Amino acid sequence: MSTCALTNVLPRLTLNIVSGIRNMDTTKLSSKGQVVLPKSVRDQHGWGEGTEFVVESTAHGVLLRPRQAFPATRIDGVFGSLPYRGKPKSLSDFDAGIRREIRRRHGRT
């Protein structure tokens, strides 16, 4: 059987590692379509339980990228989106508010 035919029979999971270092661990596809990422890879990237990924099919396999919690934004796109209409607050007002909340939550100063 040729190498090309073998790759069609046994699809590979290709992980694109930003640092350029390729991890040569292997894994299997379960009957439910699940793939377990090797612990060394998860640890290297800081991927914990519940990490969501964007899955992209490429010519060489599959690319997994961690999903960003929020879309990338620029300050001019969000500045003033929640306008404050009250009296301006000073830094000492902020500090006093933080101290009050600490006392409320934790019973300490």
PDB file of N, CA and C in Angstrom:
ATOM      1  N   MET A   1       0.855  -1.179   0.000  1.00  0.00           N
ATOM      2  CA  MET A   1       0.000   0.000   0.000  1.00  0.00           C
ATOM      3  C   MET A   1       0.897   1.237   0.000  1.00  0.00           C
ATOM      4  N   SER A   2       0.598   2.217  -0.826  1.00  0.00           N
ATOM      5  CA  SER A   2       1.432   3.412  -0.919  1.00  0.00           C
ATOM      6  C   SER A   2       1.213   4.309   0.297  1.00  0.00           C
ATOM      7  N   THR A   3       2.157   5.210   0.549  1.00  0.00           N
ATOM      8  CA  THR A   3       2.064   6.152   1.667  1.00  0.00           C
ATOM      9  C   THR A   3       0.825   7.022   1.527  1.00  0.00           C
ATOM     10  N   CYS A   4       0.527   7.451   0.301  1.00  0.00           N
ATOM     11  CA  CYS A   4      -0.642   8.306   0.059  1.00  0.00           C
ATOM     12  C   CYS A   4      -1.926   7.566   0.419  1.00  0.00           C
ATOM     13  N   ALA A   5      -2.033   6.313   0.010  1.00  0.00           N
ATOM     14  CA  ALA A   5      -3.223   5.525   0.312  1.00  0.00           C
ATOM     15  C   ALA A   5      -3.332   5.286   1.807  1.00  0.00           C
ATOM     16  N   LEU A   6      -2.185   5.076   2.470  1.00  0.00           N
ATOM     17  CA  LEU A   6      -2.187   4.841   3.908  1.00  0.00           C
ATOM     18  C   LEU A   6      -2.692   6.069   4.651  1.00  0.00           C
ATOM     19  N   THR A   7      -2.283   7.264   4.206  1.00  0.00           N
ATOM     20  CA  THR A   7      -2.764   8.485   4.872  1.00  0.00           C
ATOM     21  C   THR A   7      -4.257   8.671   4.673  1.00  0.00           C
ATOM     22  N   ASN A   8      -4.806   8.207   3.557  1.00  0.00           N
ATOM     23  CA  ASN A   8      -6.252   8.293   3.356  1.00  0.00           C
ATOM     24  C   ASN A   8      -6.984   7.313   4.256  1.00  0.00           C
ATOM     25  N   VAL A   9      -6.372   6.168   4.534  1.00  0.00           N
ATOM     26  CA  VAL A   9      -6.997   5.162   5.391  1.00  0.00           C
ATOM     27  C   VAL A   9      -6.888   5.565   6.858  1.00  0.00           C
ATOM     28  N   LEU A  10      -5.747   6.082   7.247  1.00  0.00           N
ATOM     29  CA  LEU A  10      -5.504   6.465   8.635  1.00  0.00           C
ATOM     30  C   LEU A  10      -5.248   7.970   8.713  1.00  0.00           C
ATOM     31  N   PRO A  11      -6.310   8.795   8.733  1.00  0.00           N
ATOM     32  CA  PRO A  11      -6.114  10.249   8.789  1.00  0.00           C
ATOM     33  C   PRO A  11      -5.306  10.643  10.021  1.00  0.00           C
ATOM     34  N   ARG A  12      -4.514  11.678   9.855  1.00  0.00           N
ATOM     35  CA  ARG A  12      -3.664  12.155  10.947  1.00  0.00           C
ATOM     36  C   ARG A  12      -4.246  13.412  11.564  1.00  0.00           C
ATOM     37  N   LEU A  13      -3.910  13.622  12.821  1.00  0.00           N
ATOM     38  CA  LEU A  13      -4.239  14.862  13.495  1.00  0.00           C
ATOM     39  C   LEU A  13      -2.964  15.685  13.529  1.00  0.00           C
ATOM     40  N   THR A  14      -2.968  16.796  12.841  1.00  0.00           N
ATOM     41  CA  THR A  14      -1.789  17.651  12.799  1.00  0.00           C
ATOM     42  C   THR A  14      -2.011  18.826  13.725  1.00  0.00           C
ATOM     43  N   LEU A  15      -1.145  18.984  14.700  1.00  0.00           N
ATOM     44  CA  LEU A  15      -1.243  20.107  15.624  1.00  0.00           C
ATOM     45  C   LEU A  15      -0.230  21.162  15.207  1.00  0.00           C
ATOM     46  N   ASN A  16      -0.706  22.356  14.960  1.00  0.00           N
ATOM     47  CA  ASN A  16       0.174  23.453  14.602  1.00  0.00           C
ATOM     48  C   ASN A  16       0.612  24.119  15.895  1.00  0.00           C
ATOM     49  N   ILE A  17       1.868  23.964  16.257  1.00  0.00           N
ATOM     50  CA  ILE A  17       2.397  24.548  17.478  1.00  0.00           C
ATOM     51  C   ILE A  17       3.139  25.815  17.088  1.00  0.00           C
ATOM     52  N   VAL A  18       2.707  26.933  17.666  1.00  0.00           N
ATOM     53  CA  VAL A  18       3.217  28.248  17.290  1.00  0.00           C
ATOM     54  C   VAL A  18       4.738  28.320  17.405  1.00  0.00           C
ATOM     55  N   SER A  19       5.319  27.674  18.394  1.00  0.00           N
ATOM     56  CA  SER A  19       6.763  27.768  18.599  1.00  0.00           C
ATOM     57  C   SER A  19       7.550  27.068  17.502  1.00  0.00           C
ATOM     58  N   GLY A  20       6.898  26.289  16.659  1.00  0.00           N
ATOM     59  CA  GLY A  20       7.586  25.609  15.581  1.00  0.00           C
ATOM     60  C   GLY A  20       8.096  24.235  15.969  1.00  0.00           C
ATOM     61  N   ILE A  21       7.997  23.881  17.248  1.00  0.00           N
ATOM     62  CA  ILE A  21       8.438  22.566  17.703  1.00  0.00           C
ATOM     63  C   ILE A  21       7.281  21.600  17.524  1.00  0.00           C
ATOM     64  N   ARG A  22       7.514  20.515  16.850  1.00  0.00           N
ATOM     65  CA  ARG A  22       6.455  19.542  16.618  1.00  0.00           C
ATOM     66  C   ARG A  22       6.556  18.428  17.642  1.00  0.00           C
ATOM     67  N   ASN A  23       5.454  18.168  18.292  1.00  0.00           N
ATOM     68  CA  ASN A  23       5.383  17.088  19.264  1.00  0.00           C
ATOM     69  C   ASN A  23       5.012  15.819  18.513  1.00  0.00           C
ATOM     70  N   MET A  24       5.750  14.758  18.738  1.00  0.00           N
ATOM     71  CA  MET A  24       5.536  13.543  17.964  1.00  0.00           C
ATOM     72  C   MET A  24       4.694  12.507  18.716  1.00  0.00           C
ATOM     73  N   ASP A  25       3.949  12.919  19.736  1.00  0.00           N
ATOM     74  CA  ASP A  25       3.045  12.004  20.412  1.00  0.00           C
ATOM     75  C   ASP A  25       1.957  11.573  19.441  1.00  0.00           C
ATOM     76  N   THR A  26       1.328  10.452  19.719  1.00  0.00           N
ATOM     77  CA  THR A  26       0.230   9.987  18.873  1.00  0.00           C
ATOM     78  C   THR A  26      -1.031   9.857  19.706  1.00  0.00           C
ATOM     79  N   THR A  27      -2.161   9.808  19.032  1.00  0.00           N
ATOM     80  CA  THR A  27      -3.453   9.657  19.680  1.00  0.00           C
ATOM     81  C   THR A  27      -4.376   8.944  18.715  1.00  0.00           C
ATOM     82  N   LYS A  28      -5.544   8.516  19.197  1.00  0.00           N
ATOM     83  CA  LYS A  28      -6.504   7.816  18.346  1.00  0.00           C
ATOM     84  C   LYS A  28      -7.842   8.542  18.367  1.00  0.00           C
ATOM     85  N   LEU A  29      -8.591   8.358  17.305  1.00  0.00           N
ATOM     86  CA  LEU A  29      -9.947   8.878  17.206  1.00  0.00           C
ATOM     87  C   LEU A  29     -10.884   7.828  17.792  1.00  0.00           C
ATOM     88  N   SER A  30     -11.736   8.227  18.751  1.00  0.00           N
ATOM     89  CA  SER A  30     -12.657   7.271  19.376  1.00  0.00           C
ATOM     90  C   SER A  30     -13.887   7.061  18.489  1.00  0.00           C
ATOM     91  N   SER A  31     -14.696   6.093  18.867  1.00  0.00           N
ATOM     92  CA  SER A  31     -15.926   5.825  18.111  1.00  0.00           C
ATOM     93  C   SER A  31     -16.896   7.003  18.184  1.00  0.00           C
ATOM     94  N   LYS A  32     -16.712   7.877  19.175  1.00  0.00           N
ATOM     95  CA  LYS A  32     -17.560   9.070  19.317  1.00  0.00           C
ATOM     96  C   LYS A  32     -16.950  10.293  18.624  1.00  0.00           C
ATOM     97  N   GLY A  33     -15.826  10.088  17.922  1.00  0.00           N
ATOM     98  CA  GLY A  33     -15.182  11.202  17.220  1.00  0.00           C
ATOM     99  C   GLY A  33     -14.321  12.054  18.133  1.00  0.00           C
ATOM    100  N   GLN A  34     -13.962  11.543  19.308  1.00  0.00           N
ATOM    101  CA  GLN A  34     -13.152  12.301  20.260  1.00  0.00           C
ATOM    102  C   GLN A  34     -11.676  11.969  20.110  1.00  0.00           C
ATOM    103  N   VAL A  35     -10.846  12.995  20.332  1.00  0.00           N
ATOM    104  CA  VAL A  35      -9.401  12.838  20.296  1.00  0.00           C
ATOM    105  C   VAL A  35      -8.865  13.359  21.618  1.00  0.00           C
ATOM    106  N   VAL A  36      -8.008  12.590  22.275  1.00  0.00           N
ATOM    107  CA  VAL A  36      -7.377  13.029  23.517  1.00  0.00           C
ATOM    108  C   VAL A  36      -6.026  13.639  23.160  1.00  0.00           C
ATOM    109  N   LEU A  37      -5.840  14.898  23.538  1.00  0.00           N
ATOM    110  CA  LEU A  37      -4.556  15.547  23.307  1.00  0.00           C
ATOM    111  C   LEU A  37      -3.583  15.069  24.380  1.00  0.00           C
ATOM    112  N   PRO A  38      -2.365  14.689  24.000  1.00  0.00           N
ATOM    113  CA  PRO A  38      -1.396  14.220  24.989  1.00  0.00           C
ATOM    114  C   PRO A  38      -1.163  15.265  26.082  1.00  0.00           C
ATOM    115  N   LYS A  39      -0.955  14.794  27.311  1.00  0.00           N
ATOM    116  CA  LYS A  39      -0.758  15.679  28.450  1.00  0.00           C
ATOM    117  C   LYS A  39       0.398  16.646  28.218  1.00  0.00           C
ATOM    118  N   SER A  40       1.464  16.175  27.592  1.00  0.00           N
ATOM    119  CA  SER A  40       2.620  17.049  27.346  1.00  0.00           C
ATOM    120  C   SER A  40       2.232  18.252  26.482  1.00  0.00           C
ATOM    121  N   VAL A  41       1.356  18.044  25.511  1.00  0.00           N
ATOM    122  CA  VAL A  41       0.899  19.126  24.634  1.00  0.00           C
ATOM    123  C   VAL A  41      -0.020  20.071  25.417  1.00  0.00           C
ATOM    124  N   ARG A  42      -0.954  19.488  26.187  1.00  0.00           N
ATOM    125  CA  ARG A  42      -1.865  20.323  26.996  1.00  0.00           C
ATOM    126  C   ARG A  42      -1.080  21.187  27.976  1.00  0.00           C
ATOM    127  N   ASP A  43      -0.095  20.584  28.640  1.00  0.00           N
ATOM    128  CA  ASP A  43       0.717  21.326  29.604  1.00  0.00           C
ATOM    129  C   ASP A  43       1.539  22.413  28.923  1.00  0.00           C
ATOM    130  N   GLN A  44       2.110  22.101  27.781  1.00  0.00           N
ATOM    131  CA  GLN A  44       2.945  23.067  27.049  1.00  0.00           C
ATOM    132  C   GLN A  44       2.159  24.329  26.710  1.00  0.00           C
ATOM    133  N   HIS A  45       0.874  24.173  26.410  1.00  0.00           N
ATOM    134  CA  HIS A  45       0.057  25.318  26.000  1.00  0.00           C
ATOM    135  C   HIS A  45      -0.846  25.848  27.104  1.00  0.00           C
ATOM    136  N   GLY A  46      -0.858  25.186  28.245  1.00  0.00           N
ATOM    137  CA  GLY A  46      -1.705  25.639  29.344  1.00  0.00           C
ATOM    138  C   GLY A  46      -3.175  25.393  29.082  1.00  0.00           C
ATOM    139  N   TRP A  47      -3.501  24.342  28.313  1.00  0.00           N
ATOM    140  CA  TRP A  47      -4.883  24.022  28.002  1.00  0.00           C
ATOM    141  C   TRP A  47      -5.446  23.110  29.080  1.00  0.00           C
ATOM    142  N   GLY A  48      -6.435  23.613  29.812  1.00  0.00           N
ATOM    143  CA  GLY A  48      -7.072  22.828  30.860  1.00  0.00           C
ATOM    144  C   GLY A  48      -8.411  22.290  30.410  1.00  0.00           C
ATOM    145  N   GLU A  49      -9.047  21.575  31.322  1.00  0.00           N
ATOM    146  CA  GLU A  49     -10.372  21.018  31.049  1.00  0.00           C
ATOM    147  C   GLU A  49     -11.327  22.143  30.658  1.00  0.00           C
ATOM    148  N   GLY A  50     -12.106  21.917  29.630  1.00  0.00           N
ATOM    149  CA  GLY A  50     -13.089  22.905  29.193  1.00  0.00           C
ATOM    150  C   GLY A  50     -12.576  23.904  28.171  1.00  0.00           C
ATOM    151  N   THR A  51     -11.283  23.861  27.839  1.00  0.00           N
ATOM    152  CA  THR A  51     -10.742  24.759  26.822  1.00  0.00           C
ATOM    153  C   THR A  51     -11.471  24.504  25.509  1.00  0.00           C
ATOM    154  N   GLU A  52     -11.961  25.557  24.894  1.00  0.00           N
ATOM    155  CA  GLU A  52     -12.664  25.421  23.615  1.00  0.00           C
ATOM    156  C   GLU A  52     -11.702  25.734  22.471  1.00  0.00           C
ATOM    157  N   PHE A  53     -11.870  25.017  21.358  1.00  0.00           N
ATOM    158  CA  PHE A  53     -10.998  25.170  20.214  1.00  0.00           C
ATOM    159  C   PHE A  53     -11.778  25.501  18.957  1.00  0.00           C
ATOM    160  N   VAL A  54     -11.141  26.247  18.072  1.00  0.00           N
ATOM    161  CA  VAL A  54     -11.623  26.442  16.717  1.00  0.00           C
ATOM    162  C   VAL A  54     -10.962  25.329  15.914  1.00  0.00           C
ATOM    163  N   VAL A  55     -11.752  24.554  15.174  1.00  0.00           N
ATOM    164  CA  VAL A  55     -11.238  23.422  14.399  1.00  0.00           C
ATOM    165  C   VAL A  55     -11.274  23.793  12.924  1.00  0.00           C
ATOM    166  N   GLU A  56     -10.112  23.715  12.287  1.00  0.00           N
ATOM    167  CA  GLU A  56     -10.009  24.100  10.877  1.00  0.00           C
ATOM    168  C   GLU A  56      -9.403  22.945  10.087  1.00  0.00           C
ATOM    169  N   SER A  57     -10.069  22.548   9.028  1.00  0.00           N
ATOM    170  CA  SER A  57      -9.556  21.501   8.159  1.00  0.00           C
ATOM    171  C   SER A  57      -8.549  22.121   7.202  1.00  0.00           C
ATOM    172  N   THR A  58      -7.370  21.524   7.101  1.00  0.00           N
ATOM    173  CA  THR A  58      -6.321  22.030   6.210  1.00  0.00           C
ATOM    174  C   THR A  58      -5.922  20.935   5.240  1.00  0.00           C
ATOM    175  N   ALA A  59      -5.066  21.282   4.294  1.00  0.00           N
ATOM    176  CA  ALA A  59      -4.593  20.301   3.309  1.00  0.00           C
ATOM    177  C   ALA A  59      -3.765  19.198   3.972  1.00  0.00           C
ATOM    178  N   HIS A  60      -3.181  19.490   5.145  1.00  0.00           N
ATOM    179  CA  HIS A  60      -2.307  18.530   5.811  1.00  0.00           C
ATOM    180  C   HIS A  60      -2.957  17.828   6.991  1.00  0.00           C
ATOM    181  N   GLY A  61      -4.175  18.171   7.342  1.00  0.00           N
ATOM    182  CA  GLY A  61      -4.836  17.550   8.489  1.00  0.00           C
ATOM    183  C   GLY A  61      -5.813  18.507   9.132  1.00  0.00           C
ATOM    184  N   VAL A  62      -5.686  18.654  10.447  1.00  0.00           N
ATOM    185  CA  VAL A  62      -6.600  19.493  11.219  1.00  0.00           C
ATOM    186  C   VAL A  62      -5.778  20.461  12.056  1.00  0.00           C
ATOM    187  N   LEU A  63      -6.203  21.704  12.105  1.00  0.00           N
ATOM    188  CA  LEU A  63      -5.551  22.729  12.910  1.00  0.00           C
ATOM    189  C   LEU A  63      -6.480  23.064  14.067  1.00  0.00           C
ATOM    190  N   LEU A  64      -5.970  22.969  15.290  1.00  0.00           N
ATOM    191  CA  LEU A  64      -6.729  23.349  16.477  1.00  0.00           C
ATOM    192  C   LEU A  64      -6.143  24.639  17.024  1.00  0.00           C
ATOM    193  N   ARG A  65      -7.008  25.630  17.238  1.00  0.00           N
ATOM    194  CA  ARG A  65      -6.582  26.883  17.860  1.00  0.00           C
ATOM    195  C   ARG A  65      -7.496  27.148  19.033  1.00  0.00           C
ATOM    196  N   PRO A  66      -6.950  27.535  20.204  1.00  0.00           N
ATOM    197  CA  PRO A  66      -7.835  27.853  21.319  1.00  0.00           C
ATOM    198  C   PRO A  66      -8.750  29.012  20.941  1.00  0.00           C
ATOM    199  N   ARG A  67     -10.009  28.870  21.285  1.00  0.00           N
ATOM    200  CA  ARG A  67     -10.989  29.916  20.979  1.00  0.00           C
ATOM    201  C   ARG A  67     -10.788  31.078  21.930  1.00  0.00           C
ATOM    202  N   GLN A  68     -10.794  32.280  21.399  1.00  0.00           N
ATOM    203  CA  GLN A  68     -10.676  33.464  22.243  1.00  0.00           C
ATOM    204  C   GLN A  68     -12.011  33.694  22.946  1.00  0.00           C
ATOM    205  N   ALA A  69     -11.931  34.069  24.220  1.00  0.00           N
ATOM    206  CA  ALA A  69     -13.149  34.303  24.998  1.00  0.00           C
ATOM    207  C   ALA A  69     -13.983  35.433  24.394  1.00  0.00           C
ATOM    208  N   PHE A  70     -13.315  36.446  23.896  1.00  0.00           N
ATOM    209  CA  PHE A  70     -13.990  37.592  23.305  1.00  0.00           C
ATOM    210  C   PHE A  70     -13.301  37.923  21.989  1.00  0.00           C
ATOM    211  N   PRO A  71     -14.038  38.439  21.027  1.00  0.00           N
ATOM    212  CA  PRO A  71     -13.383  38.839  19.783  1.00  0.00           C
ATOM    213  C   PRO A  71     -12.405  39.984  20.042  1.00  0.00           C
ATOM    214  N   ALA A  72     -11.347  40.039  19.279  1.00  0.00           N
ATOM    215  CA  ALA A  72     -10.371  41.121  19.424  1.00  0.00           C
ATOM    216  C   ALA A  72     -11.058  42.458  19.136  1.00  0.00           C
ATOM    217  N   THR A  73     -10.780  43.445  19.973  1.00  0.00           N
ATOM    218  CA  THR A  73     -11.382  44.769  19.798  1.00  0.00           C
ATOM    219  C   THR A  73     -10.312  45.833  19.920  1.00  0.00           C
ATOM    220  N   ARG A  74     -10.655  47.009  19.460  1.00  0.00           N
ATOM    221  CA  ARG A  74      -9.781  48.168  19.612  1.00  0.00           C
ATOM    222  C   ARG A  74     -10.469  49.122  20.578  1.00  0.00           C
ATOM    223  N   ILE A  75      -9.669  49.899  21.305  1.00  0.00           N
ATOM    224  CA  ILE A  75     -10.220  50.807  22.315  1.00  0.00           C
ATOM    225  C   ILE A  75     -11.225  51.780  21.713  1.00  0.00           C
ATOM    226  N   ASP A  76     -10.967  52.264  20.492  1.00  0.00           N
ATOM    227  CA  ASP A  76     -11.906  53.221  19.896  1.00  0.00           C
ATOM    228  C   ASP A  76     -13.234  52.558  19.537  1.00  0.00           C
ATOM    229  N   GLY A  77     -13.265  51.225  19.487  1.00  0.00           N
ATOM    230  CA  GLY A  77     -14.508  50.522  19.198  1.00  0.00           C
ATOM    231  C   GLY A  77     -15.388  50.324  20.420  1.00  0.00           C
ATOM    232  N   VAL A  78     -14.800  50.439  21.624  1.00  0.00           N
ATOM    233  CA  VAL A  78     -15.583  50.214  22.840  1.00  0.00           C
ATOM    234  C   VAL A  78     -15.580  51.402  23.794  1.00  0.00           C
ATOM    235  N   PHE A  79     -14.695  52.362  23.568  1.00  0.00           N
ATOM    236  CA  PHE A  79     -14.615  53.515  24.458  1.00  0.00           C
ATOM    237  C   PHE A  79     -15.955  54.245  24.499  1.00  0.00           C
ATOM    238  N   GLY A  80     -16.443  54.470  25.687  1.00  0.00           N
ATOM    239  CA  GLY A  80     -17.701  55.184  25.849  1.00  0.00           C
ATOM    240  C   GLY A  80     -18.935  54.332  25.625  1.00  0.00           C
ATOM    241  N   SER A  81     -18.774  53.025  25.494  1.00  0.00           N
ATOM    242  CA  SER A  81     -19.947  52.184  25.238  1.00  0.00           C
ATOM    243  C   SER A  81     -20.847  52.079  26.465  1.00  0.00           C
ATOM    244  N   LEU A  82     -20.294  52.311  27.642  1.00  0.00           N
ATOM    245  CA  LEU A  82     -21.094  52.329  28.871  1.00  0.00           C
ATOM    246  C   LEU A  82     -20.870  53.677  29.556  1.00  0.00           C
ATOM    247  N   PRO A  83     -21.489  54.716  29.050  1.00  0.00           N
ATOM    248  CA  PRO A  83     -21.223  56.051  29.594  1.00  0.00           C
ATOM    249  C   PRO A  83     -21.701  56.192  31.040  1.00  0.00           C
ATOM    250  N   TYR A  84     -20.928  56.913  31.829  1.00  0.00           N
ATOM    251  CA  TYR A  84     -21.272  57.213  33.218  1.00  0.00           C
ATOM    252  C   TYR A  84     -21.820  58.626  33.263  1.00  0.00           C
ATOM    253  N   ARG A  85     -23.013  58.786  33.804  1.00  0.00           N
ATOM    254  CA  ARG A  85     -23.666  60.093  33.775  1.00  0.00           C
ATOM    255  C   ARG A  85     -23.643  60.811  35.123  1.00  0.00           C
ATOM    256  N   GLY A  86     -23.044  60.184  36.124  1.00  0.00           N
ATOM    257  CA  GLY A  86     -23.000  60.804  37.455  1.00  0.00           C
ATOM    258  C   GLY A  86     -21.818  61.738  37.627  1.00  0.00           C
ATOM    259  N   LYS A  87     -21.623  62.148  38.885  1.00  0.00           N
ATOM    260  CA  LYS A  87     -20.507  63.020  39.231  1.00  0.00           C
ATOM    261  C   LYS A  87     -19.197  62.263  39.006  1.00  0.00           C
ATOM    262  N   PRO A  88     -18.174  62.908  38.426  1.00  0.00           N
ATOM    263  CA  PRO A  88     -16.895  62.225  38.205  1.00  0.00           C
ATOM    264  C   PRO A  88     -16.304  61.695  39.515  1.00  0.00           C
ATOM    265  N   LYS A  89     -15.672  60.525  39.459  1.00  0.00           N
ATOM    266  CA  LYS A  89     -15.083  59.901  40.641  1.00  0.00           C
ATOM    267  C   LYS A  89     -13.579  60.156  40.657  1.00  0.00           C
ATOM    268  N   SER A  90     -13.041  60.361  41.852  1.00  0.00           N
ATOM    269  CA  SER A  90     -11.597  60.538  42.022  1.00  0.00           C
ATOM    270  C   SER A  90     -10.980  59.183  42.375  1.00  0.00           C
ATOM    271  N   LEU A  91      -9.651  59.124  42.377  1.00  0.00           N
ATOM    272  CA  LEU A  91      -8.974  57.892  42.770  1.00  0.00           C
ATOM    273  C   LEU A  91      -9.288  57.529  44.218  1.00  0.00           C
ATOM    274  N   SER A  92      -9.403  58.526  45.085  1.00  0.00           N
ATOM    275  CA  SER A  92      -9.745  58.234  46.484  1.00  0.00           C
ATOM    276  C   SER A  92     -11.174  57.674  46.584  1.00  0.00           C
ATOM    277  N   ASP A  93     -12.082  58.117  45.701  1.00  0.00           N
ATOM    278  CA  ASP A  93     -13.438  57.548  45.665  1.00  0.00           C
ATOM    279  C   ASP A  93     -13.368  56.063  45.274  1.00  0.00           C
ATOM    280  N   PHE A  94     -12.525  55.745  44.283  1.00  0.00           N
ATOM    281  CA  PHE A  94     -12.362  54.344  43.868  1.00  0.00           C
ATOM    282  C   PHE A  94     -11.797  53.510  45.018  1.00  0.00           C
ATOM    283  N   ASP A  95     -10.749  54.043  45.695  1.00  0.00           N
ATOM    284  CA  ASP A  95     -10.130  53.322  46.808  1.00  0.00           C
ATOM    285  C   ASP A  95     -11.145  53.071  47.923  1.00  0.00           C
ATOM    286  N   ALA A  96     -11.948  54.069  48.244  1.00  0.00           N
ATOM    287  CA  ALA A  96     -12.958  53.917  49.296  1.00  0.00           C
ATOM    288  C   ALA A  96     -13.994  52.872  48.895  1.00  0.00           C
ATOM    289  N   GLY A  97     -14.398  52.869  47.645  1.00  0.00           N
ATOM    290  CA  GLY A  97     -15.353  51.878  47.169  1.00  0.00           C
ATOM    291  C   GLY A  97     -14.800  50.463  47.242  1.00  0.00           C
ATOM    292  N   ILE A  98     -13.532  50.302  46.911  1.00  0.00           N
ATOM    293  CA  ILE A  98     -12.892  48.990  46.991  1.00  0.00           C
ATOM    294  C   ILE A  98     -12.824  48.534  48.440  1.00  0.00           C
ATOM    295  N   ARG A  99     -12.424  49.439  49.359  1.00  0.00           N
ATOM    296  CA  ARG A  99     -12.365  49.075  50.783  1.00  0.00           C
ATOM    297  C   ARG A  99     -13.741  48.656  51.307  1.00  0.00           C
ATOM    298  N   ARG A 100     -14.794  49.384  50.926  1.00  0.00           N
ATOM    299  CA  ARG A 100     -16.159  49.026  51.351  1.00  0.00           C
ATOM    300  C   ARG A 100     -16.536  47.628  50.864  1.00  0.00           C
ATOM    301  N   GLU A 101     -16.216  47.337  49.609  1.00  0.00           N
ATOM    302  CA  GLU A 101     -16.573  46.030  49.048  1.00  0.00           C
ATOM    303  C   GLU A 101     -15.785  44.903  49.714  1.00  0.00           C
ATOM    304  N   ILE A 102     -14.524  45.141  50.045  1.00  0.00           N
ATOM    305  CA  ILE A 102     -13.728  44.122  50.758  1.00  0.00           C
ATOM    306  C   ILE A 102     -14.347  43.852  52.117  1.00  0.00           C
ATOM    307  N   ARG A 103     -14.728  44.916  52.847  1.00  0.00           N
ATOM    308  CA  ARG A 103     -15.373  44.734  54.156  1.00  0.00           C
ATOM    309  C   ARG A 103     -16.684  43.971  54.006  1.00  0.00           C
ATOM    310  N   ARG A 104     -17.458  44.309  52.973  1.00  0.00           N
ATOM    311  CA  ARG A 104     -18.747  43.649  52.769  1.00  0.00           C
ATOM    312  C   ARG A 104     -18.572  42.159  52.460  1.00  0.00           C
ATOM    313  N   ARG A 105     -17.630  41.852  51.585  1.00  0.00           N
ATOM    314  CA  ARG A 105     -17.438  40.458  51.167  1.00  0.00           C
ATOM    315  C   ARG A 105     -16.693  39.615  52.187  1.00  0.00           C
ATOM    316  N   HIS A 106     -15.701  40.205  52.828  1.00  0.00           N
ATOM    317  CA  HIS A 106     -14.796  39.410  53.657  1.00  0.00           C
ATOM    318  C   HIS A 106     -14.773  39.815  55.117  1.00  0.00           C
ATOM    319  N   GLY A 107     -15.496  40.853  55.479  1.00  0.00           N
ATOM    320  CA  GLY A 107     -15.525  41.288  56.871  1.00  0.00           C
ATOM    321  C   GLY A 107     -14.186  41.796  57.395  1.00  0.00           C
ATOM    322  N   ARG A 108     -13.372  42.353  56.479  1.00  0.00           N
ATOM    323  CA  ARG A 108     -12.067  42.883  56.879  1.00  0.00           C
ATOM    324  C   ARG A 108     -11.756  44.124  56.076  1.00  0.00           C
ATOM    325  N   THR A 109     -10.713  44.853  56.513  1.00  0.00           N
ATOM    326  CA  THR A 109     -10.318  46.080  55.819  1.00  0.00           C
ATOM    327  C   THR A 109      -9.109  45.870  54.959  1.00  0.00           C
TER     328      THR A 109
END
